[in-house]
Amino acid sequence: MTDSWKGKSSIAAQLAALPNLPMGELWALWDQHFPRRPLRVVRRSLEGRLAYRLQEKARGVCLPMSKRILPTA
């Protein structure tokens, strides 16, 4: 991972760091978790999708009922 992520092993620390990461580091993290980049880029959406993905990887996939309730990015 990038320098900003060193020492941030907990999910909470990683999520808290997302708003402070430079765009270049957000894109590097995105490229690690997704096969392609979105066509439209809004930083908050990028952060939200990355936060969801980091939690998904740590805790497992969300149940179908929860997915219906939660808004999508």
C-alpha atoms as a PDB file:
ATOM      1  CA  MET A   1       0.000   0.000   0.000  1.00  0.00           C
ATOM      2  CA  THR A   2       0.973   3.625  -0.124  1.00  0.00           C
ATOM      3  CA  ASP A   3       2.793   5.575   2.589  1.00  0.00           C
ATOM      4  CA  SER A   4      -0.407   6.976   4.093  1.00  0.00           C
ATOM      5  CA  TRP A   5      -1.658   3.446   4.735  1.00  0.00           C
ATOM      6  CA  LYS A   6       1.438   2.164   6.557  1.00  0.00           C
ATOM      7  CA  GLY A   7       0.562   1.315  10.135  1.00  0.00           C
ATOM      8  CA  LYS A   8      -3.199   1.494   9.557  1.00  0.00           C
ATOM      9  CA  SER A   9      -4.103  -2.130   9.894  1.00  0.00           C
ATOM     10  CA  SER A  10      -7.537  -1.726  11.474  1.00  0.00           C
ATOM     11  CA  ILE A  11     -10.533  -1.142   9.239  1.00  0.00           C
ATOM     12  CA  ALA A  12     -11.588   1.837  11.357  1.00  0.00           C
ATOM     13  CA  ALA A  13      -8.203   3.501  10.839  1.00  0.00           C
ATOM     14  CA  GLN A  14      -8.305   2.844   7.096  1.00  0.00           C
ATOM     15  CA  LEU A  15     -11.823   4.266   6.804  1.00  0.00           C
ATOM     16  CA  ALA A  16     -10.884   7.330   8.833  1.00  0.00           C
ATOM     17  CA  ALA A  17      -7.879   7.948   6.557  1.00  0.00           C
ATOM     18  CA  LEU A  18      -9.859   7.918   3.286  1.00  0.00           C
ATOM     19  CA  PRO A  19     -10.973  11.598   3.338  1.00  0.00           C
ATOM     20  CA  ASN A  20      -7.389  12.730   3.932  1.00  0.00           C
ATOM     21  CA  LEU A  21      -5.728  10.688   1.192  1.00  0.00           C
ATOM     22  CA  PRO A  22      -4.498  12.514  -1.907  1.00  0.00           C
ATOM     23  CA  MET A  23      -6.415  11.581  -5.080  1.00  0.00           C
ATOM     24  CA  GLY A  24      -3.401   9.681  -6.393  1.00  0.00           C
ATOM     25  CA  GLU A  25      -3.459   7.394  -3.367  1.00  0.00           C
ATOM     26  CA  LEU A  26      -7.228   6.948  -3.598  1.00  0.00           C
ATOM     27  CA  TRP A  27      -6.799   5.855  -7.222  1.00  0.00           C
ATOM     28  CA  ALA A  28      -4.005   3.455  -6.242  1.00  0.00           C
ATOM     29  CA  LEU A  29      -6.291   1.918  -3.625  1.00  0.00           C
ATOM     30  CA  TRP A  30      -9.158   1.805  -6.132  1.00  0.00           C
ATOM     31  CA  ASP A  31      -6.967  -0.011  -8.652  1.00  0.00           C
ATOM     32  CA  GLN A  32      -6.149  -2.652  -6.023  1.00  0.00           C
ATOM     33  CA  HIS A  33      -9.828  -3.442  -5.439  1.00  0.00           C
ATOM     34  CA  PHE A  34     -11.609  -2.855  -8.748  1.00  0.00           C
ATOM     35  CA  PRO A  35     -10.911  -3.897 -12.362  1.00  0.00           C
ATOM     36  CA  ARG A  36     -11.641  -0.465 -13.885  1.00  0.00           C
ATOM     37  CA  ARG A  37     -12.165   3.146 -12.909  1.00  0.00           C
ATOM     38  CA  PRO A  38     -15.551   4.876 -12.994  1.00  0.00           C
ATOM     39  CA  LEU A  39     -16.370   7.233 -15.869  1.00  0.00           C
ATOM     40  CA  ARG A  40     -17.573  10.017 -13.580  1.00  0.00           C
ATOM     41  CA  VAL A  41     -15.470  10.909 -10.592  1.00  0.00           C
ATOM     42  CA  VAL A  42     -16.850  12.495  -7.466  1.00  0.00           C
ATOM     43  CA  ARG A  43     -14.423  12.181  -4.589  1.00  0.00           C
ATOM     44  CA  ARG A  44     -17.114  11.461  -1.970  1.00  0.00           C
ATOM     45  CA  SER A  45     -18.537   8.641  -4.105  1.00  0.00           C
ATOM     46  CA  LEU A  46     -15.074   7.206  -4.599  1.00  0.00           C
ATOM     47  CA  GLU A  47     -14.441   7.304  -0.844  1.00  0.00           C
ATOM     48  CA  GLY A  48     -17.827   5.729  -0.120  1.00  0.00           C
ATOM     49  CA  ARG A  49     -17.342   2.873  -2.559  1.00  0.00           C
ATOM     50  CA  LEU A  50     -13.829   2.213  -1.258  1.00  0.00           C
ATOM     51  CA  ALA A  51     -15.097   2.262   2.340  1.00  0.00           C
ATOM     52  CA  TYR A  52     -17.787  -0.271   1.461  1.00  0.00           C
ATOM     53  CA  ARG A  53     -15.254  -2.486  -0.326  1.00  0.00           C
ATOM     54  CA  LEU A  54     -12.750  -2.383   2.548  1.00  0.00           C
ATOM     55  CA  GLN A  55     -15.475  -3.394   5.002  1.00  0.00           C
ATOM     56  CA  GLU A  56     -16.748  -6.056   2.631  1.00  0.00           C
ATOM     57  CA  LYS A  57     -13.272  -7.588   2.388  1.00  0.00           C
ATOM     58  CA  ALA A  58     -12.809  -7.489   6.172  1.00  0.00           C
ATOM     59  CA  ARG A  59     -16.245  -8.636   7.296  1.00  0.00           C
ATOM     60  CA  GLY A  60     -17.647 -10.518   4.347  1.00  0.00           C
ATOM     61  CA  VAL A  61     -20.355  -9.780   1.825  1.00  0.00           C
ATOM     62  CA  CYS A  62     -23.448  -7.892   2.909  1.00  0.00           C
ATOM     63  CA  LEU A  63     -26.701  -9.833   3.157  1.00  0.00           C
ATOM     64  CA  PRO A  64     -29.188  -9.301   0.295  1.00  0.00           C
ATOM     65  CA  MET A  65     -31.736  -7.618   2.572  1.00  0.00           C
ATOM     66  CA  SER A  66     -29.120  -5.135   3.786  1.00  0.00           C
ATOM     67  CA  LYS A  67     -28.151  -4.336   0.201  1.00  0.00           C
ATOM     68  CA  ARG A  68     -31.742  -3.383  -0.559  1.00  0.00           C
ATOM     69  CA  ILE A  69     -31.791  -0.992   2.396  1.00  0.00           C
ATOM     70  CA  LEU A  70     -28.381   0.605   1.848  1.00  0.00           C
ATOM     71  CA  PRO A  71     -27.940   3.226  -0.888  1.00  0.00           C
ATOM     72  CA  THR A  72     -25.554   2.343  -3.701  1.00  0.00           C
ATOM     73  CA  ALA A  73     -22.683   4.499  -4.871  1.00  0.00           C
END
